[in-house]
Amino acid sequence: PPAPGGAVSLLSTFNAQDVANTVWALATLGVEKPVLMVALADHVVQSPVLATFTAKGISNTVWAYAKLGIREEYLMAAIAQRLVQTDFLATFQPQNIANTAWAFATLRVRDAALMRA
């Protein structure tokens, strides 16, 4: 079923922080909104938003998808690609690394380049 109030149509206005906050809140509350989560994943990979995520934003986002058991492989692949670009991982705090590693492991997403990074 569509998200109430046309929330999916508002996603084009979301920046990286909006995405991270939304998915984190849904996961923390245990609220399952698969249509919204897929729409958020689509927004991240089909817009310039992914390049603007902070380390904390990325780690919170992948944690949220894993916590809800939502394995959007195309999102995880795009995030893995972002993580190995231009020393982005060097900006991660230990907690960001732990959350990201846990999310990839929980979702059973393997990315050779990310594992070498």
PDB file of N, CA and C in Angstrom:
ATOM      1  N   PRO A   1       0.833  -1.202   0.000  1.00  0.00           N
ATOM      2  CA  PRO A   1       0.000   0.000   0.000  1.00  0.00           C
ATOM      3  C   PRO A   1       0.867   1.251   0.000  1.00  0.00           C
ATOM      4  N   PRO A   2       0.417   2.294  -0.625  1.00  0.00           N
ATOM      5  CA  PRO A   2       1.201   3.532  -0.658  1.00  0.00           C
ATOM      6  C   PRO A   2       1.341   4.153   0.727  1.00  0.00           C
ATOM      7  N   ALA A   3       2.372   4.935   0.868  1.00  0.00           N
ATOM      8  CA  ALA A   3       2.588   5.615   2.151  1.00  0.00           C
ATOM      9  C   ALA A   3       1.486   6.633   2.369  1.00  0.00           C
ATOM     10  N   PRO A   4       1.039   6.787   3.608  1.00  0.00           N
ATOM     11  CA  PRO A   4      -0.037   7.734   3.887  1.00  0.00           C
ATOM     12  C   PRO A   4       0.353   9.161   3.534  1.00  0.00           C
ATOM     13  N   GLY A   5      -0.591   9.928   3.054  1.00  0.00           N
ATOM     14  CA  GLY A   5      -0.373  11.340   2.802  1.00  0.00           C
ATOM     15  C   GLY A   5       0.561  11.642   1.661  1.00  0.00           C
ATOM     16  N   GLY A   6       0.813  10.670   0.816  1.00  0.00           N
ATOM     17  CA  GLY A   6       1.687  10.921  -0.319  1.00  0.00           C
ATOM     18  C   GLY A   6       3.123  11.184   0.079  1.00  0.00           C
ATOM     19  N   ALA A   7       3.570  10.593   1.184  1.00  0.00           N
ATOM     20  CA  ALA A   7       4.932  10.833   1.672  1.00  0.00           C
ATOM     21  C   ALA A   7       5.977  10.487   0.624  1.00  0.00           C
ATOM     22  N   VAL A   8       5.711   9.452  -0.158  1.00  0.00           N
ATOM     23  CA  VAL A   8       6.679   9.039  -1.164  1.00  0.00           C
ATOM     24  C   VAL A   8       6.939  10.168  -2.151  1.00  0.00           C
ATOM     25  N   SER A   9       5.921  10.933  -2.492  1.00  0.00           N
ATOM     26  CA  SER A   9       6.108  12.023  -3.453  1.00  0.00           C
ATOM     27  C   SER A   9       6.958  13.160  -2.879  1.00  0.00           C
ATOM     28  N   LEU A  10       7.071  13.261  -1.584  1.00  0.00           N
ATOM     29  CA  LEU A  10       7.889  14.297  -0.950  1.00  0.00           C
ATOM     30  C   LEU A  10       9.378  13.965  -0.951  1.00  0.00           C
ATOM     31  N   LEU A  11       9.706  12.740  -1.274  1.00  0.00           N
ATOM     32  CA  LEU A  11      11.091  12.298  -1.156  1.00  0.00           C
ATOM     33  C   LEU A  11      12.047  13.060  -2.059  1.00  0.00           C
ATOM     34  N   SER A  12      11.556  13.606  -3.143  1.00  0.00           N
ATOM     35  CA  SER A  12      12.448  14.347  -4.043  1.00  0.00           C
ATOM     36  C   SER A  12      13.067  15.556  -3.346  1.00  0.00           C
ATOM     37  N   THR A  13      12.469  15.977  -2.240  1.00  0.00           N
ATOM     38  CA  THR A  13      13.000  17.121  -1.490  1.00  0.00           C
ATOM     39  C   THR A  13      13.973  16.693  -0.390  1.00  0.00           C
ATOM     40  N   PHE A  14      14.122  15.406  -0.157  1.00  0.00           N
ATOM     41  CA  PHE A  14      14.953  14.903   0.936  1.00  0.00           C
ATOM     42  C   PHE A  14      16.435  15.012   0.610  1.00  0.00           C
ATOM     43  N   ASN A  15      17.201  15.501   1.593  1.00  0.00           N
ATOM     44  CA  ASN A  15      18.651  15.462   1.481  1.00  0.00           C
ATOM     45  C   ASN A  15      19.155  14.238   2.248  1.00  0.00           C
ATOM     46  N   ALA A  16      20.462  14.069   2.303  1.00  0.00           N
ATOM     47  CA  ALA A  16      21.031  12.890   2.956  1.00  0.00           C
ATOM     48  C   ALA A  16      20.622  12.792   4.424  1.00  0.00           C
ATOM     49  N   GLN A  17      20.636  13.910   5.122  1.00  0.00           N
ATOM     50  CA  GLN A  17      20.261  13.906   6.534  1.00  0.00           C
ATOM     51  C   GLN A  17      18.800  13.514   6.720  1.00  0.00           C
ATOM     52  N   ASP A  18      17.939  13.990   5.840  1.00  0.00           N
ATOM     53  CA  ASP A  18      16.517  13.629   5.915  1.00  0.00           C
ATOM     54  C   ASP A  18      16.328  12.124   5.741  1.00  0.00           C
ATOM     55  N   VAL A  19      17.041  11.555   4.782  1.00  0.00           N
ATOM     56  CA  VAL A  19      16.950  10.111   4.539  1.00  0.00           C
ATOM     57  C   VAL A  19      17.437   9.348   5.757  1.00  0.00           C
ATOM     58  N   ALA A  20      18.625   9.700   6.233  1.00  0.00           N
ATOM     59  CA  ALA A  20      19.202   8.992   7.379  1.00  0.00           C
ATOM     60  C   ALA A  20      18.301   9.085   8.610  1.00  0.00           C
ATOM     61  N   ASN A  21      17.783  10.267   8.886  1.00  0.00           N
ATOM     62  CA  ASN A  21      16.904  10.444  10.047  1.00  0.00           C
ATOM     63  C   ASN A  21      15.623   9.635   9.911  1.00  0.00           C
ATOM     64  N   THR A  22      15.062   9.618   8.720  1.00  0.00           N
ATOM     65  CA  THR A  22      13.792   8.911   8.498  1.00  0.00           C
ATOM     66  C   THR A  22      13.952   7.410   8.668  1.00  0.00           C
ATOM     67  N   VAL A  23      14.965   6.829   7.996  1.00  0.00           N
ATOM     68  CA  VAL A  23      15.118   5.377   8.087  1.00  0.00           C
ATOM     69  C   VAL A  23      15.553   4.962   9.490  1.00  0.00           C
ATOM     70  N   TRP A  24      16.392   5.787  10.139  1.00  0.00           N
ATOM     71  CA  TRP A  24      16.802   5.478  11.506  1.00  0.00           C
ATOM     72  C   TRP A  24      15.586   5.472  12.438  1.00  0.00           C
ATOM     73  N   ALA A  25      14.724   6.473  12.305  1.00  0.00           N
ATOM     74  CA  ALA A  25      13.534   6.550  13.163  1.00  0.00           C
ATOM     75  C   ALA A  25      12.615   5.364  12.939  1.00  0.00           C
ATOM     76  N   LEU A  26      12.381   5.020  11.686  1.00  0.00           N
ATOM     77  CA  LEU A  26      11.512   3.875  11.391  1.00  0.00           C
ATOM     78  C   LEU A  26      12.081   2.598  11.997  1.00  0.00           C
ATOM     79  N   ALA A  27      13.389   2.388  11.841  1.00  0.00           N
ATOM     80  CA  ALA A  27      14.010   1.175  12.372  1.00  0.00           C
ATOM     81  C   ALA A  27      14.009   1.161  13.892  1.00  0.00           C
ATOM     82  N   THR A  28      14.289   2.297  14.496  1.00  0.00           N
ATOM     83  CA  THR A  28      14.314   2.387  15.956  1.00  0.00           C
ATOM     84  C   THR A  28      12.948   2.070  16.551  1.00  0.00           C
ATOM     85  N   LEU A  29      11.910   2.525  15.876  1.00  0.00           N
ATOM     86  CA  LEU A  29      10.547   2.267  16.342  1.00  0.00           C
ATOM     87  C   LEU A  29      10.012   0.917  15.878  1.00  0.00           C
ATOM     88  N   GLY A  30      10.745   0.247  15.002  1.00  0.00           N
ATOM     89  CA  GLY A  30      10.298  -1.042  14.476  1.00  0.00           C
ATOM     90  C   GLY A  30       9.120  -0.913  13.523  1.00  0.00           C
ATOM     91  N   VAL A  31       9.020   0.213  12.863  1.00  0.00           N
ATOM     92  CA  VAL A  31       7.911   0.472  11.938  1.00  0.00           C
ATOM     93  C   VAL A  31       8.302  -0.025  10.552  1.00  0.00           C
ATOM     94  N   GLU A  32       7.527  -0.947  10.036  1.00  0.00           N
ATOM     95  CA  GLU A  32       7.820  -1.500   8.716  1.00  0.00           C
ATOM     96  C   GLU A  32       6.958  -0.809   7.665  1.00  0.00           C
ATOM     97  N   LYS A  33       7.618  -0.077   6.804  1.00  0.00           N
ATOM     98  CA  LYS A  33       6.977   0.637   5.692  1.00  0.00           C
ATOM     99  C   LYS A  33       7.760   0.298   4.431  1.00  0.00           C
ATOM    100  N   PRO A  34       7.563  -0.914   3.879  1.00  0.00           N
ATOM    101  CA  PRO A  34       8.395  -1.352   2.757  1.00  0.00           C
ATOM    102  C   PRO A  34       8.325  -0.443   1.532  1.00  0.00           C
ATOM    103  N   VAL A  35       7.154   0.087   1.214  1.00  0.00           N
ATOM    104  CA  VAL A  35       7.036   0.966   0.052  1.00  0.00           C
ATOM    105  C   VAL A  35       7.872   2.224   0.265  1.00  0.00           C
ATOM    106  N   LEU A  36       7.808   2.781   1.454  1.00  0.00           N
ATOM    107  CA  LEU A  36       8.580   3.972   1.767  1.00  0.00           C
ATOM    108  C   LEU A  36      10.079   3.675   1.762  1.00  0.00           C
ATOM    109  N   MET A  37      10.477   2.547   2.322  1.00  0.00           N
ATOM    110  CA  MET A  37      11.898   2.200   2.371  1.00  0.00           C
ATOM    111  C   MET A  37      12.465   1.979   0.967  1.00  0.00           C
ATOM    112  N   VAL A  38      11.701   1.352   0.089  1.00  0.00           N
ATOM    113  CA  VAL A  38      12.150   1.175  -1.296  1.00  0.00           C
ATOM    114  C   VAL A  38      12.235   2.533  -1.986  1.00  0.00           C
ATOM    115  N   ALA A  39      11.261   3.387  -1.761  1.00  0.00           N
ATOM    116  CA  ALA A  39      11.277   4.725  -2.364  1.00  0.00           C
ATOM    117  C   ALA A  39      12.475   5.529  -1.863  1.00  0.00           C
ATOM    118  N   LEU A  40      12.797   5.403  -0.596  1.00  0.00           N
ATOM    119  CA  LEU A  40      13.974   6.094  -0.053  1.00  0.00           C
ATOM    120  C   LEU A  40      15.256   5.550  -0.686  1.00  0.00           C
ATOM    121  N   ALA A  41      15.335   4.228  -0.823  1.00  0.00           N
ATOM    122  CA  ALA A  41      16.507   3.623  -1.472  1.00  0.00           C
ATOM    123  C   ALA A  41      16.631   4.123  -2.909  1.00  0.00           C
ATOM    124  N   ASP A  42      15.517   4.144  -3.621  1.00  0.00           N
ATOM    125  CA  ASP A  42      15.526   4.646  -5.002  1.00  0.00           C
ATOM    126  C   ASP A  42      16.020   6.086  -5.046  1.00  0.00           C
ATOM    127  N   HIS A  43      15.535   6.896  -4.143  1.00  0.00           N
ATOM    128  CA  HIS A  43      15.934   8.303  -4.097  1.00  0.00           C
ATOM    129  C   HIS A  43      17.439   8.439  -3.876  1.00  0.00           C
ATOM    130  N   VAL A  44      17.978   7.643  -2.992  1.00  0.00           N
ATOM    131  CA  VAL A  44      19.411   7.723  -2.687  1.00  0.00           C
ATOM    132  C   VAL A  44      20.250   7.367  -3.918  1.00  0.00           C
ATOM    133  N   VAL A  45      19.861   6.322  -4.637  1.00  0.00           N
ATOM    134  CA  VAL A  45      20.699   5.883  -5.754  1.00  0.00           C
ATOM    135  C   VAL A  45      20.408   6.623  -7.057  1.00  0.00           C
ATOM    136  N   GLN A  46      19.250   7.254  -7.168  1.00  0.00           N
ATOM    137  CA  GLN A  46      18.889   7.923  -8.420  1.00  0.00           C
ATOM    138  C   GLN A  46      19.053   9.438  -8.369  1.00  0.00           C
ATOM    139  N   SER A  47      19.591   9.954  -7.308  1.00  0.00           N
ATOM    140  CA  SER A  47      19.770  11.393  -7.165  1.00  0.00           C
ATOM    141  C   SER A  47      21.201  11.637  -6.671  1.00  0.00           C
ATOM    142  N   PRO A  48      21.616  12.881  -6.611  1.00  0.00           N
ATOM    143  CA  PRO A  48      22.966  13.167  -6.107  1.00  0.00           C
ATOM    144  C   PRO A  48      23.116  13.035  -4.587  1.00  0.00           C
ATOM    145  N   VAL A  49      22.092  12.581  -3.911  1.00  0.00           N
ATOM    146  CA  VAL A  49      22.086  12.525  -2.449  1.00  0.00           C
ATOM    147  C   VAL A  49      23.203  11.650  -1.885  1.00  0.00           C
ATOM    148  N   LEU A  50      23.470  10.521  -2.494  1.00  0.00           N
ATOM    149  CA  LEU A  50      24.445   9.583  -1.931  1.00  0.00           C
ATOM    150  C   LEU A  50      25.814  10.242  -1.721  1.00  0.00           C
ATOM    151  N   ALA A  51      26.203  11.079  -2.627  1.00  0.00           N
ATOM    152  CA  ALA A  51      27.519  11.727  -2.528  1.00  0.00           C
ATOM    153  C   ALA A  51      27.604  12.716  -1.373  1.00  0.00           C
ATOM    154  N   THR A  52      26.480  13.072  -0.786  1.00  0.00           N
ATOM    155  CA  THR A  52      26.475  14.076   0.283  1.00  0.00           C
ATOM    156  C   THR A  52      26.322  13.482   1.685  1.00  0.00           C
ATOM    157  N   PHE A  53      26.203  12.164   1.787  1.00  0.00           N
ATOM    158  CA  PHE A  53      26.085  11.527   3.099  1.00  0.00           C
ATOM    159  C   PHE A  53      27.370  11.691   3.899  1.00  0.00           C
ATOM    160  N   THR A  54      27.212  11.881   5.184  1.00  0.00           N
ATOM    161  CA  THR A  54      28.343  11.828   6.110  1.00  0.00           C
ATOM    162  C   THR A  54      28.566  10.374   6.502  1.00  0.00           C
ATOM    163  N   ALA A  55      29.667  10.127   7.179  1.00  0.00           N
ATOM    164  CA  ALA A  55      29.938   8.777   7.678  1.00  0.00           C
ATOM    165  C   ALA A  55      28.811   8.307   8.595  1.00  0.00           C
ATOM    166  N   LYS A  56      28.393   9.169   9.499  1.00  0.00           N
ATOM    167  CA  LYS A  56      27.312   8.807  10.427  1.00  0.00           C
ATOM    168  C   LYS A  56      26.015   8.565   9.675  1.00  0.00           C
ATOM    169  N   GLY A  57      25.719   9.391   8.678  1.00  0.00           N
ATOM    170  CA  GLY A  57      24.500   9.217   7.893  1.00  0.00           C
ATOM    171  C   GLY A  57      24.473   7.899   7.157  1.00  0.00           C
ATOM    172  N   ILE A  58      25.589   7.546   6.547  1.00  0.00           N
ATOM    173  CA  ILE A  58      25.676   6.252   5.839  1.00  0.00           C
ATOM    174  C   ILE A  58      25.523   5.108   6.824  1.00  0.00           C
ATOM    175  N   SER A  59      26.252   5.167   7.931  1.00  0.00           N
ATOM    176  CA  SER A  59      26.197   4.046   8.877  1.00  0.00           C
ATOM    177  C   SER A  59      24.811   3.907   9.488  1.00  0.00           C
ATOM    178  N   ASN A  60      24.157   5.016   9.790  1.00  0.00           N
ATOM    179  CA  ASN A  60      22.800   4.944  10.330  1.00  0.00           C
ATOM    180  C   ASN A  60      21.817   4.412   9.291  1.00  0.00           C
ATOM    181  N   THR A  61      22.019   4.771   8.053  1.00  0.00           N
ATOM    182  CA  THR A  61      21.118   4.318   6.989  1.00  0.00           C
ATOM    183  C   THR A  61      21.230   2.816   6.772  1.00  0.00           C
ATOM    184  N   VAL A  62      22.456   2.314   6.618  1.00  0.00           N
ATOM    185  CA  VAL A  62      22.582   0.869   6.391  1.00  0.00           C
ATOM    186  C   VAL A  62      22.170   0.090   7.634  1.00  0.00           C
ATOM    187  N   TRP A  63      22.442   0.650   8.811  1.00  0.00           N
ATOM    188  CA  TRP A  63      21.993  -0.002  10.054  1.00  0.00           C
ATOM    189  C   TRP A  63      20.479  -0.144  10.053  1.00  0.00           C
ATOM    190  N   ALA A  64      19.776   0.913   9.643  1.00  0.00           N
ATOM    191  CA  ALA A  64      18.313   0.899   9.656  1.00  0.00           C
ATOM    192  C   ALA A  64      17.761  -0.162   8.707  1.00  0.00           C
ATOM    193  N   TYR A  65      18.313  -0.242   7.512  1.00  0.00           N
ATOM    194  CA  TYR A  65      17.839  -1.262   6.567  1.00  0.00           C
ATOM    195  C   TYR A  65      18.087  -2.658   7.128  1.00  0.00           C
ATOM    196  N   ALA A  66      19.246  -2.869   7.737  1.00  0.00           N
ATOM    197  CA  ALA A  66      19.543  -4.178   8.320  1.00  0.00           C
ATOM    198  C   ALA A  66      18.637  -4.486   9.499  1.00  0.00           C
ATOM    199  N   LYS A  67      18.423  -3.485  10.354  1.00  0.00           N
ATOM    200  CA  LYS A  67      17.561  -3.679  11.531  1.00  0.00           C
ATOM    201  C   LYS A  67      16.158  -4.113  11.129  1.00  0.00           C
ATOM    202  N   LEU A  68      15.672  -3.552  10.013  1.00  0.00           N
ATOM    203  CA  LEU A  68      14.342  -3.914   9.517  1.00  0.00           C
ATOM    204  C   LEU A  68      14.368  -5.128   8.594  1.00  0.00           C
ATOM    205  N   GLY A  69      15.564  -5.644   8.311  1.00  0.00           N
ATOM    206  CA  GLY A  69      15.685  -6.823   7.449  1.00  0.00           C
ATOM    207  C   GLY A  69      15.353  -6.538   5.994  1.00  0.00           C
ATOM    208  N   ILE A  70      15.593  -5.323   5.562  1.00  0.00           N
ATOM    209  CA  ILE A  70      15.278  -4.921   4.184  1.00  0.00           C
ATOM    210  C   ILE A  70      16.574  -4.920   3.389  1.00  0.00           C
ATOM    211  N   ARG A  71      16.684  -5.876   2.473  1.00  0.00           N
ATOM    212  CA  ARG A  71      17.918  -6.074   1.714  1.00  0.00           C
ATOM    213  C   ARG A  71      17.751  -5.532   0.295  1.00  0.00           C
ATOM    214  N   GLU A  72      17.937  -4.256   0.156  1.00  0.00           N
ATOM    215  CA  GLU A  72      17.887  -3.619  -1.164  1.00  0.00           C
ATOM    216  C   GLU A  72      19.306  -3.660  -1.729  1.00  0.00           C
ATOM    217  N   GLU A  73      19.571  -4.707  -2.513  1.00  0.00           N
ATOM    218  CA  GLU A  73      20.937  -4.942  -2.978  1.00  0.00           C
ATOM    219  C   GLU A  73      21.493  -3.777  -3.783  1.00  0.00           C
ATOM    220  N   TYR A  74      20.667  -3.143  -4.591  1.00  0.00           N
ATOM    221  CA  TYR A  74      21.153  -2.023  -5.401  1.00  0.00           C
ATOM    222  C   TYR A  74      21.572  -0.844  -4.517  1.00  0.00           C
ATOM    223  N   LEU A  75      20.883  -0.630  -3.416  1.00  0.00           N
ATOM    224  CA  LEU A  75      21.261   0.423  -2.477  1.00  0.00           C
ATOM    225  C   LEU A  75      22.580   0.069  -1.804  1.00  0.00           C
ATOM    226  N   MET A  76      22.691  -1.156  -1.329  1.00  0.00           N
ATOM    227  CA  MET A  76      23.909  -1.571  -0.642  1.00  0.00           C
ATOM    228  C   MET A  76      25.107  -1.548  -1.587  1.00  0.00           C
ATOM    229  N   ALA A  77      24.895  -1.909  -2.848  1.00  0.00           N
ATOM    230  CA  ALA A  77      25.982  -1.866  -3.834  1.00  0.00           C
ATOM    231  C   ALA A  77      26.425  -0.420  -4.076  1.00  0.00           C
ATOM    232  N   ALA A  78      25.469   0.479  -4.185  1.00  0.00           N
ATOM    233  CA  ALA A  78      25.796   1.890  -4.402  1.00  0.00           C
ATOM    234  C   ALA A  78      26.530   2.464  -3.187  1.00  0.00           C
ATOM    235  N   ILE A  79      26.094   2.098  -1.999  1.00  0.00           N
ATOM    236  CA  ILE A  79      26.751   2.572  -0.785  1.00  0.00           C
ATOM    237  C   ILE A  79      28.157   1.990  -0.684  1.00  0.00           C
ATOM    238  N   ALA A  80      28.310   0.710  -0.994  1.00  0.00           N
ATOM    239  CA  ALA A  80      29.641   0.099  -0.962  1.00  0.00           C
ATOM    240  C   ALA A  80      30.578   0.817  -1.921  1.00  0.00           C
ATOM    241  N   GLN A  81      30.082   1.145  -3.095  1.00  0.00           N
ATOM    242  CA  GLN A  81      30.895   1.866  -4.070  1.00  0.00           C
ATOM    243  C   GLN A  81      31.297   3.240  -3.537  1.00  0.00           C
ATOM    244  N   ARG A  82      30.365   3.915  -2.883  1.00  0.00           N
ATOM    245  CA  ARG A  82      30.656   5.227  -2.288  1.00  0.00           C
ATOM    246  C   ARG A  82      31.702   5.115  -1.180  1.00  0.00           C
ATOM    247  N   LEU A  83      31.610   4.061  -0.395  1.00  0.00           N
ATOM    248  CA  LEU A  83      32.520   3.897   0.737  1.00  0.00           C
ATOM    249  C   LEU A  83      33.977   3.738   0.312  1.00  0.00           C
ATOM    250  N   VAL A  84      34.207   3.148  -0.839  1.00  0.00           N
ATOM    251  CA  VAL A  84      35.585   2.903  -1.260  1.00  0.00           C
ATOM    252  C   VAL A  84      36.149   4.053  -2.097  1.00  0.00           C
ATOM    253  N   GLN A  85      35.385   5.092  -2.309  1.00  0.00           N
ATOM    254  CA  GLN A  85      35.849   6.236  -3.093  1.00  0.00           C
ATOM    255  C   GLN A  85      36.579   7.252  -2.221  1.00  0.00           C
ATOM    256  N   THR A  86      37.618   7.807  -2.773  1.00  0.00           N
ATOM    257  CA  THR A  86      38.330   8.969  -2.241  1.00  0.00           C
ATOM    258  C   THR A  86      38.485   9.006  -0.717  1.00  0.00           C
ATOM    259  N   ASP A  87      38.966   7.948  -0.156  1.00  0.00           N
ATOM    260  CA  ASP A  87      39.266   7.919   1.282  1.00  0.00           C
ATOM    261  C   ASP A  87      38.072   8.247   2.178  1.00  0.00           C
ATOM    262  N   PHE A  88      36.881   7.984   1.696  1.00  0.00           N
ATOM    263  CA  PHE A  88      35.688   8.271   2.498  1.00  0.00           C
ATOM    264  C   PHE A  88      35.706   7.484   3.809  1.00  0.00           C
ATOM    265  N   LEU A  89      36.165   6.241   3.760  1.00  0.00           N
ATOM    266  CA  LEU A  89      36.205   5.436   4.990  1.00  0.00           C
ATOM    267  C   LEU A  89      37.093   6.052   6.059  1.00  0.00           C
ATOM    268  N   ALA A  90      38.064   6.852   5.652  1.00  0.00           N
ATOM    269  CA  ALA A  90      38.951   7.500   6.625  1.00  0.00           C
ATOM    270  C   ALA A  90      38.193   8.494   7.498  1.00  0.00           C
ATOM    271  N   THR A  91      36.999   8.905   7.089  1.00  0.00           N
ATOM    272  CA  THR A  91      36.197   9.845   7.875  1.00  0.00           C
ATOM    273  C   THR A  91      35.323   9.137   8.911  1.00  0.00           C
ATOM    274  N   PHE A  92      35.318   7.816   8.885  1.00  0.00           N
ATOM    275  CA  PHE A  92      34.466   7.041   9.780  1.00  0.00           C
ATOM    276  C   PHE A  92      35.075   6.922  11.172  1.00  0.00           C
ATOM    277  N   GLN A  93      34.232   7.093  12.179  1.00  0.00           N
ATOM    278  CA  GLN A  93      34.591   6.806  13.555  1.00  0.00           C
ATOM    279  C   GLN A  93      34.416   5.292  13.760  1.00  0.00           C
ATOM    280  N   PRO A  94      35.021   4.726  14.805  1.00  0.00           N
ATOM    281  CA  PRO A  94      34.869   3.284  15.038  1.00  0.00           C
ATOM    282  C   PRO A  94      33.409   2.819  15.073  1.00  0.00           C
ATOM    283  N   GLN A  95      32.519   3.609  15.681  1.00  0.00           N
ATOM    284  CA  GLN A  95      31.104   3.223  15.745  1.00  0.00           C
ATOM    285  C   GLN A  95      30.484   3.173  14.352  1.00  0.00           C
ATOM    286  N   ASN A  96      30.855   4.103  13.470  1.00  0.00           N
ATOM    287  CA  ASN A  96      30.347   4.101  12.098  1.00  0.00           C
ATOM    288  C   ASN A  96      30.793   2.845  11.360  1.00  0.00           C
ATOM    289  N   ILE A  97      32.052   2.481  11.551  1.00  0.00           N
ATOM    290  CA  ILE A  97      32.581   1.268  10.909  1.00  0.00           C
ATOM    291  C   ILE A  97      31.856   0.039  11.436  1.00  0.00           C
ATOM    292  N   ALA A  98      31.683  -0.031  12.751  1.00  0.00           N
ATOM    293  CA  ALA A  98      31.012  -1.182  13.357  1.00  0.00           C
ATOM    294  C   ALA A  98      29.576  -1.309  12.857  1.00  0.00           C
ATOM    295  N   ASN A  99      28.834  -0.210  12.839  1.00  0.00           N
ATOM    296  CA  ASN A  99      27.441  -0.249  12.380  1.00  0.00           C
ATOM    297  C   ASN A  99      27.355  -0.661  10.914  1.00  0.00           C
ATOM    298  N   THR A 100      28.250  -0.137  10.103  1.00  0.00           N
ATOM    299  CA  THR A 100      28.236  -0.450   8.677  1.00  0.00           C
ATOM    300  C   THR A 100      28.596  -1.908   8.441  1.00  0.00           C
ATOM    301  N   ALA A 101      29.635  -2.385   9.101  1.00  0.00           N
ATOM    302  CA  ALA A 101      30.033  -3.785   8.959  1.00  0.00           C
ATOM    303  C   ALA A 101      28.912  -4.711   9.434  1.00  0.00           C
ATOM    304  N   TRP A 102      28.289  -4.365  10.555  1.00  0.00           N
ATOM    305  CA  TRP A 102      27.189  -5.178  11.079  1.00  0.00           C
ATOM    306  C   TRP A 102      26.043  -5.238  10.077  1.00  0.00           C
ATOM    307  N   ALA A 103      25.722  -4.105   9.483  1.00  0.00           N
ATOM    308  CA  ALA A 103      24.604  -4.057   8.524  1.00  0.00           C
ATOM    309  C   ALA A 103      24.886  -4.921   7.305  1.00  0.00           C
ATOM    310  N   PHE A 104      26.085  -4.796   6.741  1.00  0.00           N
ATOM    311  CA  PHE A 104      26.421  -5.611   5.570  1.00  0.00           C
ATOM    312  C   PHE A 104      26.407  -7.091   5.930  1.00  0.00           C
ATOM    313  N   ALA A 105      26.948  -7.432   7.093  1.00  0.00           N
ATOM    314  CA  ALA A 105      26.962  -8.835   7.514  1.00  0.00           C
ATOM    315  C   ALA A 105      25.552  -9.349   7.786  1.00  0.00           C
ATOM    316  N   THR A 106      24.744  -8.558   8.468  1.00  0.00           N
ATOM    317  CA  THR A 106      23.379  -8.971   8.791  1.00  0.00           C
ATOM    318  C   THR A 106      22.557  -9.210   7.530  1.00  0.00           C
ATOM    319  N   LEU A 107      22.753  -8.356   6.542  1.00  0.00           N
ATOM    320  CA  LEU A 107      22.016  -8.492   5.277  1.00  0.00           C
ATOM    321  C   LEU A 107      22.685  -9.469   4.316  1.00  0.00           C
ATOM    322  N   ARG A 108      23.818 -10.004   4.733  1.00  0.00           N
ATOM    323  CA  ARG A 108      24.584 -10.956   3.915  1.00  0.00           C
ATOM    324  C   ARG A 108      24.927 -10.374   2.548  1.00  0.00           C
ATOM    325  N   VAL A 109      25.384  -9.138   2.589  1.00  0.00           N
ATOM    326  CA  VAL A 109      25.818  -8.447   1.375  1.00  0.00           C
ATOM    327  C   VAL A 109      27.338  -8.498   1.341  1.00  0.00           C
ATOM    328  N   ARG A 110      27.858  -9.085   0.283  1.00  0.00           N
ATOM    329  CA  ARG A 110      29.310  -9.191   0.129  1.00  0.00           C
ATOM    330  C   ARG A 110      29.765  -8.229  -0.955  1.00  0.00           C
ATOM    331  N   ASP A 111      30.801  -7.495  -0.657  1.00  0.00           N
ATOM    332  CA  ASP A 111      31.397  -6.603  -1.636  1.00  0.00           C
ATOM    333  C   ASP A 111      32.912  -6.696  -1.470  1.00  0.00           C
ATOM    334  N   ALA A 112      33.562  -7.299  -2.444  1.00  0.00           N
ATOM    335  CA  ALA A 112      34.997  -7.562  -2.347  1.00  0.00           C
ATOM    336  C   ALA A 112      35.803  -6.272  -2.186  1.00  0.00           C
ATOM    337  N   ALA A 113      35.477  -5.252  -2.958  1.00  0.00           N
ATOM    338  CA  ALA A 113      36.231  -3.997  -2.873  1.00  0.00           C
ATOM    339  C   ALA A 113      36.087  -3.353  -1.500  1.00  0.00           C
ATOM    340  N   LEU A 114      34.900  -3.414  -0.946  1.00  0.00           N
ATOM    341  CA  LEU A 114      34.676  -2.847   0.381  1.00  0.00           C
ATOM    342  C   LEU A 114      35.446  -3.626   1.437  1.00  0.00           C
ATOM    343  N   MET A 115      35.473  -4.926   1.325  1.00  0.00           N
ATOM    344  CA  MET A 115      36.193  -5.737   2.305  1.00  0.00           C
ATOM    345  C   MET A 115      37.700  -5.498   2.242  1.00  0.00           C
ATOM    346  N   ARG A 116      38.209  -5.105   1.086  1.00  0.00           N
ATOM    347  CA  ARG A 116      39.638  -4.805   0.959  1.00  0.00           C
ATOM    348  C   ARG A 116      39.956  -3.385   1.451  1.00  0.00           C
ATOM    349  N   ALA A 117      38.960  -2.535   1.544  1.00  0.00           N
ATOM    350  CA  ALA A 117      39.203  -1.117   1.862  1.00  0.00           C
ATOM    351  C   ALA A 117      39.589  -0.895   3.318  1.00  0.00           C
TER     352      ALA A 117
END
